[in-house]
Amino acid sequence: MSVPDTPFWSYSVTTYGQDAVAGECLTLQDRFGLDVNIVLLCCWLGSRGTALDHAQTTHVIEFTDAWASSVIAPLRAIRRRLKQDIQDEIIATFRAEIAALELAAEKIQQTRLFDTFGTLPADPAAAAMPTAAQNLANYVAIRNQPPDTSLRDSLVKLLHAAFPDAPEVDIVSCLAVSASDQTI
């Protein structure tokens, strides 16, 4: 099966491969229940100067939830379950095949996200990191995450890794402003 690459997928692969991004994405997923593809979409759109409002962010969540819960999450659960039997070569091979299917399912989700939200207007004059921070703050607020210091720390680390040229102070202030606007 071949799923075409999109600019969003290329951005995600590059960004996810940067130091600390994968770890923070997995923390946001496993500890706070956030969808990594939506987190990356918030950053990618931010990098283009595209801000998501409340309604658009809600639409992104509704758009992805069914696929994520019925396809991606079960594949992830199987892959993680098989991790304890990794010493068995047959199981290890099977686990690798499941991991490849999980990645393909993630790519399908990202392709659908790109097809639906990649046409939103970009604003090249908008600052990328503050826009991404606002997008993430909207997402977190809609997911009704409590104003947890560790959640904000993970978001700050993610943004700092995804936008390494932005000073950390700016990241913190953007999240603080976004959080107060969204009451997270």
C-alpha atoms as a PDB file:
ATOM      1  CA  MET A   1       0.000   0.000   0.000  1.00  0.00           C
ATOM      2  CA  SER A   2       1.336   3.393  -0.916  1.00  0.00           C
ATOM      3  CA  VAL A   3      -0.030   6.553   0.661  1.00  0.00           C
ATOM      4  CA  PRO A   4       1.186   9.714  -1.063  1.00  0.00           C
ATOM      5  CA  ASP A   5       3.444  12.114   0.790  1.00  0.00           C
ATOM      6  CA  THR A   6       2.011  15.537   1.572  1.00  0.00           C
ATOM      7  CA  PRO A   7       3.740  18.694   2.806  1.00  0.00           C
ATOM      8  CA  PHE A   8       2.155  18.003   6.205  1.00  0.00           C
ATOM      9  CA  TRP A   9       3.590  14.467   6.286  1.00  0.00           C
ATOM     10  CA  SER A  10       7.036  15.715   5.278  1.00  0.00           C
ATOM     11  CA  TYR A  11       6.895  18.387   7.999  1.00  0.00           C
ATOM     12  CA  SER A  12       5.793  15.795  10.561  1.00  0.00           C
ATOM     13  CA  VAL A  13       8.555  13.329   9.720  1.00  0.00           C
ATOM     14  CA  THR A  14      11.201  16.056   9.885  1.00  0.00           C
ATOM     15  CA  THR A  15       9.833  17.659  13.052  1.00  0.00           C
ATOM     16  CA  TYR A  16       9.190  14.352  14.844  1.00  0.00           C
ATOM     17  CA  GLY A  17      12.807  13.387  14.127  1.00  0.00           C
ATOM     18  CA  GLN A  18      14.169  16.446  15.947  1.00  0.00           C
ATOM     19  CA  ASP A  19      15.561  16.044  19.449  1.00  0.00           C
ATOM     20  CA  ALA A  20      12.849  16.004  22.125  1.00  0.00           C
ATOM     21  CA  VAL A  21       9.876  16.265  19.745  1.00  0.00           C
ATOM     22  CA  ALA A  22       9.062  12.537  19.675  1.00  0.00           C
ATOM     23  CA  GLY A  23       9.372  12.242  23.441  1.00  0.00           C
ATOM     24  CA  GLU A  24       7.129  15.226  24.099  1.00  0.00           C
ATOM     25  CA  CYS A  25       4.586  14.063  21.513  1.00  0.00           C
ATOM     26  CA  LEU A  26       4.420  10.669  23.219  1.00  0.00           C
ATOM     27  CA  THR A  27       4.079  12.326  26.636  1.00  0.00           C
ATOM     28  CA  LEU A  28       1.214  14.449  25.316  1.00  0.00           C
ATOM     29  CA  GLN A  29      -0.377  11.304  23.876  1.00  0.00           C
ATOM     30  CA  ASP A  30       0.141   8.855  26.727  1.00  0.00           C
ATOM     31  CA  ARG A  31      -0.163  11.142  29.733  1.00  0.00           C
ATOM     32  CA  PHE A  32      -2.681  13.711  28.508  1.00  0.00           C
ATOM     33  CA  GLY A  33      -4.647  11.826  25.830  1.00  0.00           C
ATOM     34  CA  LEU A  34      -3.779  14.191  22.980  1.00  0.00           C
ATOM     35  CA  ASP A  35      -3.580  12.971  19.385  1.00  0.00           C
ATOM     36  CA  VAL A  36      -0.019  13.307  18.058  1.00  0.00           C
ATOM     37  CA  ASN A  37      -1.279  13.974  14.537  1.00  0.00           C
ATOM     38  CA  ILE A  38      -3.380  16.882  15.786  1.00  0.00           C
ATOM     39  CA  VAL A  39      -0.443  18.203  17.826  1.00  0.00           C
ATOM     40  CA  LEU A  40       1.725  18.067  14.700  1.00  0.00           C
ATOM     41  CA  LEU A  41      -1.058  19.641  12.621  1.00  0.00           C
ATOM     42  CA  CYS A  42      -1.226  22.545  15.086  1.00  0.00           C
ATOM     43  CA  CYS A  43       2.528  23.032  14.704  1.00  0.00           C
ATOM     44  CA  TRP A  44       2.549  22.627  10.910  1.00  0.00           C
ATOM     45  CA  LEU A  45      -0.303  25.063  10.427  1.00  0.00           C
ATOM     46  CA  GLY A  46       1.436  27.440  12.836  1.00  0.00           C
ATOM     47  CA  SER A  47       4.640  27.180  10.818  1.00  0.00           C
ATOM     48  CA  ARG A  48       2.612  28.437   7.833  1.00  0.00           C
ATOM     49  CA  GLY A  49       1.019  31.234   9.852  1.00  0.00           C
ATOM     50  CA  THR A  50      -2.350  29.489   9.823  1.00  0.00           C
ATOM     51  CA  ALA A  51      -4.330  29.928  13.021  1.00  0.00           C
ATOM     52  CA  LEU A  52      -7.163  27.596  13.934  1.00  0.00           C
ATOM     53  CA  ASP A  53     -10.145  29.119  15.669  1.00  0.00           C
ATOM     54  CA  HIS A  54     -12.320  27.248  18.152  1.00  0.00           C
ATOM     55  CA  ALA A  55     -14.742  25.932  15.510  1.00  0.00           C
ATOM     56  CA  GLN A  56     -11.960  24.761  13.193  1.00  0.00           C
ATOM     57  CA  THR A  57     -10.140  23.041  16.056  1.00  0.00           C
ATOM     58  CA  THR A  58     -13.350  21.309  17.097  1.00  0.00           C
ATOM     59  CA  HIS A  59     -13.803  20.165  13.497  1.00  0.00           C
ATOM     60  CA  VAL A  60     -10.222  18.793  13.414  1.00  0.00           C
ATOM     61  CA  ILE A  61     -10.917  16.781  16.573  1.00  0.00           C
ATOM     62  CA  GLU A  62     -14.243  15.432  15.330  1.00  0.00           C
ATOM     63  CA  PHE A  63     -12.677  14.650  11.959  1.00  0.00           C
ATOM     64  CA  THR A  64      -9.881  12.549  13.473  1.00  0.00           C
ATOM     65  CA  ASP A  65     -11.500  10.868  16.482  1.00  0.00           C
ATOM     66  CA  ALA A  66     -13.262   7.997  14.698  1.00  0.00           C
ATOM     67  CA  TRP A  67     -10.204   6.924  12.692  1.00  0.00           C
ATOM     68  CA  ALA A  68      -7.851   7.352  15.636  1.00  0.00           C
ATOM     69  CA  SER A  69     -10.003   5.376  18.057  1.00  0.00           C
ATOM     70  CA  SER A  70     -11.112   2.599  15.715  1.00  0.00           C
ATOM     71  CA  VAL A  71      -7.927   2.071  13.663  1.00  0.00           C
ATOM     72  CA  ILE A  72      -4.796   3.691  15.089  1.00  0.00           C
ATOM     73  CA  ALA A  73      -5.390   3.033  18.803  1.00  0.00           C
ATOM     74  CA  PRO A  74      -6.072  -0.709  18.389  1.00  0.00           C
ATOM     75  CA  LEU A  75      -2.945  -1.144  16.251  1.00  0.00           C
ATOM     76  CA  ARG A  76      -0.918   0.778  18.857  1.00  0.00           C
ATOM     77  CA  ALA A  77      -2.347  -1.395  21.651  1.00  0.00           C
ATOM     78  CA  ILE A  78      -1.407  -4.590  19.801  1.00  0.00           C
ATOM     79  CA  ARG A  79       2.103  -3.298  19.055  1.00  0.00           C
ATOM     80  CA  ARG A  80       2.632  -2.297  22.680  1.00  0.00           C
ATOM     81  CA  ARG A  81       1.261  -5.628  23.943  1.00  0.00           C
ATOM     82  CA  LEU A  82       3.689  -7.510  21.719  1.00  0.00           C
ATOM     83  CA  LYS A  83       6.638  -5.516  23.065  1.00  0.00           C
ATOM     84  CA  GLN A  84       6.840  -7.789  26.099  1.00  0.00           C
ATOM     85  CA  ASP A  85       7.421 -10.803  23.811  1.00  0.00           C
ATOM     86  CA  ILE A  86      10.129  -9.122  21.748  1.00  0.00           C
ATOM     87  CA  GLN A  87      12.666 -11.888  22.493  1.00  0.00           C
ATOM     88  CA  ASP A  88      10.652 -14.261  20.321  1.00  0.00           C
ATOM     89  CA  GLU A  89      11.853 -13.643  16.750  1.00  0.00           C
ATOM     90  CA  ILE A  90       8.500 -14.506  15.180  1.00  0.00           C
ATOM     91  CA  ILE A  91       6.679 -12.153  17.549  1.00  0.00           C
ATOM     92  CA  ALA A  92       9.294  -9.447  16.928  1.00  0.00           C
ATOM     93  CA  THR A  93       8.746  -9.732  13.183  1.00  0.00           C
ATOM     94  CA  PHE A  94       4.975  -9.651  13.633  1.00  0.00           C
ATOM     95  CA  ARG A  95       5.316  -6.604  15.922  1.00  0.00           C
ATOM     96  CA  ALA A  96       7.358  -4.825  13.232  1.00  0.00           C
ATOM     97  CA  GLU A  97       4.603  -5.535  10.715  1.00  0.00           C
ATOM     98  CA  ILE A  98       1.995  -4.138  13.114  1.00  0.00           C
ATOM     99  CA  ALA A  99       4.192  -1.055  13.643  1.00  0.00           C
ATOM    100  CA  ALA A 100       4.338  -0.545   9.874  1.00  0.00           C
ATOM    101  CA  LEU A 101       0.533  -0.796   9.676  1.00  0.00           C
ATOM    102  CA  GLU A 102       0.202   1.686  12.540  1.00  0.00           C
ATOM    103  CA  LEU A 103       2.490   4.121  10.720  1.00  0.00           C
ATOM    104  CA  ALA A 104       0.477   3.653   7.511  1.00  0.00           C
ATOM    105  CA  ALA A 105      -2.728   4.379   9.448  1.00  0.00           C
ATOM    106  CA  GLU A 106      -1.116   7.532  10.883  1.00  0.00           C
ATOM    107  CA  LYS A 107      -0.096   8.601   7.377  1.00  0.00           C
ATOM    108  CA  ILE A 108      -3.626   8.020   6.072  1.00  0.00           C
ATOM    109  CA  GLN A 109      -4.966  10.190   8.898  1.00  0.00           C
ATOM    110  CA  GLN A 110      -2.432  12.901   8.082  1.00  0.00           C
ATOM    111  CA  THR A 111      -3.284  12.744   4.376  1.00  0.00           C
ATOM    112  CA  ARG A 112      -6.957  13.209   5.218  1.00  0.00           C
ATOM    113  CA  LEU A 113      -6.081  16.098   7.548  1.00  0.00           C
ATOM    114  CA  PHE A 114      -3.966  17.700   4.824  1.00  0.00           C
ATOM    115  CA  ASP A 115      -6.708  17.299   2.238  1.00  0.00           C
ATOM    116  CA  THR A 116      -9.238  18.930   4.562  1.00  0.00           C
ATOM    117  CA  PHE A 117      -7.221  21.550   6.467  1.00  0.00           C
ATOM    118  CA  GLY A 118      -4.136  22.105   4.319  1.00  0.00           C
ATOM    119  CA  THR A 119      -6.044  24.561   2.160  1.00  0.00           C
ATOM    120  CA  LEU A 120      -6.724  26.967   5.034  1.00  0.00           C
ATOM    121  CA  PRO A 121      -5.177  30.330   4.193  1.00  0.00           C
ATOM    122  CA  ALA A 122      -1.584  30.846   5.286  1.00  0.00           C
ATOM    123  CA  ASP A 123      -0.313  34.155   6.616  1.00  0.00           C
ATOM    124  CA  PRO A 124       3.421  34.384   5.866  1.00  0.00           C
ATOM    125  CA  ALA A 125       3.615  37.530   8.019  1.00  0.00           C
ATOM    126  CA  ALA A 126       2.356  35.705  11.131  1.00  0.00           C
ATOM    127  CA  ALA A 127       4.956  34.485  13.592  1.00  0.00           C
ATOM    128  CA  ALA A 128       5.095  30.698  13.368  1.00  0.00           C
ATOM    129  CA  MET A 129       5.680  29.704  16.972  1.00  0.00           C
ATOM    130  CA  PRO A 130       3.033  31.991  18.531  1.00  0.00           C
ATOM    131  CA  THR A 131       0.516  30.766  15.963  1.00  0.00           C
ATOM    132  CA  ALA A 132       1.384  27.140  16.728  1.00  0.00           C
ATOM    133  CA  ALA A 133       1.138  27.879  20.464  1.00  0.00           C
ATOM    134  CA  GLN A 134      -2.327  29.366  19.949  1.00  0.00           C
ATOM    135  CA  ASN A 135      -3.389  26.351  17.889  1.00  0.00           C
ATOM    136  CA  LEU A 136      -2.162  23.984  20.617  1.00  0.00           C
ATOM    137  CA  ALA A 137      -3.828  26.038  23.349  1.00  0.00           C
ATOM    138  CA  ASN A 138      -7.140  25.828  21.452  1.00  0.00           C
ATOM    139  CA  TYR A 139      -6.744  22.065  21.101  1.00  0.00           C
ATOM    140  CA  VAL A 140      -5.884  21.535  24.760  1.00  0.00           C
ATOM    141  CA  ALA A 141      -8.773  23.758  25.888  1.00  0.00           C
ATOM    142  CA  ILE A 142     -11.306  21.902  23.738  1.00  0.00           C
ATOM    143  CA  ARG A 143     -10.008  18.594  25.125  1.00  0.00           C
ATOM    144  CA  ASN A 144     -10.782  20.043  28.589  1.00  0.00           C
ATOM    145  CA  GLN A 145      -7.321  19.388  29.920  1.00  0.00           C
ATOM    146  CA  PRO A 146      -6.830  20.781  33.435  1.00  0.00           C
ATOM    147  CA  PRO A 147      -4.325  23.642  33.796  1.00  0.00           C
ATOM    148  CA  ASP A 148      -1.593  21.184  34.730  1.00  0.00           C
ATOM    149  CA  THR A 149       1.966  22.504  35.039  1.00  0.00           C
ATOM    150  CA  SER A 150       3.399  19.316  33.548  1.00  0.00           C
ATOM    151  CA  LEU A 151       1.126  19.668  30.493  1.00  0.00           C
ATOM    152  CA  ARG A 152       2.312  23.217  29.932  1.00  0.00           C
ATOM    153  CA  ASP A 153       5.928  22.100  30.453  1.00  0.00           C
ATOM    154  CA  SER A 154       5.504  19.429  27.772  1.00  0.00           C
ATOM    155  CA  LEU A 155       3.943  21.937  25.381  1.00  0.00           C
ATOM    156  CA  VAL A 156       6.775  24.401  26.013  1.00  0.00           C
ATOM    157  CA  LYS A 157       9.388  21.678  25.398  1.00  0.00           C
ATOM    158  CA  LEU A 158       7.604  20.583  22.231  1.00  0.00           C
ATOM    159  CA  LEU A 159       7.359  24.124  20.880  1.00  0.00           C
ATOM    160  CA  HIS A 160      10.967  24.856  21.751  1.00  0.00           C
ATOM    161  CA  ALA A 161      12.056  21.693  19.904  1.00  0.00           C
ATOM    162  CA  ALA A 162       9.762  22.300  16.919  1.00  0.00           C
ATOM    163  CA  PHE A 163      10.706  25.987  16.668  1.00  0.00           C
ATOM    164  CA  PRO A 164      14.320  26.039  17.881  1.00  0.00           C
ATOM    165  CA  ASP A 165      14.946  29.608  16.675  1.00  0.00           C
ATOM    166  CA  ALA A 166      12.262  31.057  18.970  1.00  0.00           C
ATOM    167  CA  PRO A 167      13.521  32.078  22.429  1.00  0.00           C
ATOM    168  CA  GLU A 168      12.036  29.983  25.224  1.00  0.00           C
ATOM    169  CA  VAL A 169      10.678  33.086  26.976  1.00  0.00           C
ATOM    170  CA  ASP A 170       8.524  33.827  23.926  1.00  0.00           C
ATOM    171  CA  ILE A 171       7.171  30.285  23.929  1.00  0.00           C
ATOM    172  CA  VAL A 172       6.208  30.489  27.583  1.00  0.00           C
ATOM    173  CA  SER A 173       4.524  33.867  27.145  1.00  0.00           C
ATOM    174  CA  CYS A 174       2.605  32.680  24.060  1.00  0.00           C
ATOM    175  CA  LEU A 175       1.301  29.667  25.918  1.00  0.00           C
ATOM    176  CA  ALA A 176       0.406  31.797  28.921  1.00  0.00           C
ATOM    177  CA  VAL A 177      -1.536  34.249  26.765  1.00  0.00           C
ATOM    178  CA  SER A 178      -3.162  31.436  24.788  1.00  0.00           C
ATOM    179  CA  ALA A 179      -3.996  29.604  27.981  1.00  0.00           C
ATOM    180  CA  SER A 180      -5.603  32.643  29.584  1.00  0.00           C
ATOM    181  CA  ASP A 181      -7.626  33.261  26.421  1.00  0.00           C
ATOM    182  CA  GLN A 182      -8.790  29.649  26.419  1.00  0.00           C
ATOM    183  CA  THR A 183      -8.940  29.127  30.204  1.00  0.00           C
ATOM    184  CA  ILE A 184      -6.685  26.117  30.215  1.00  0.00           C
END
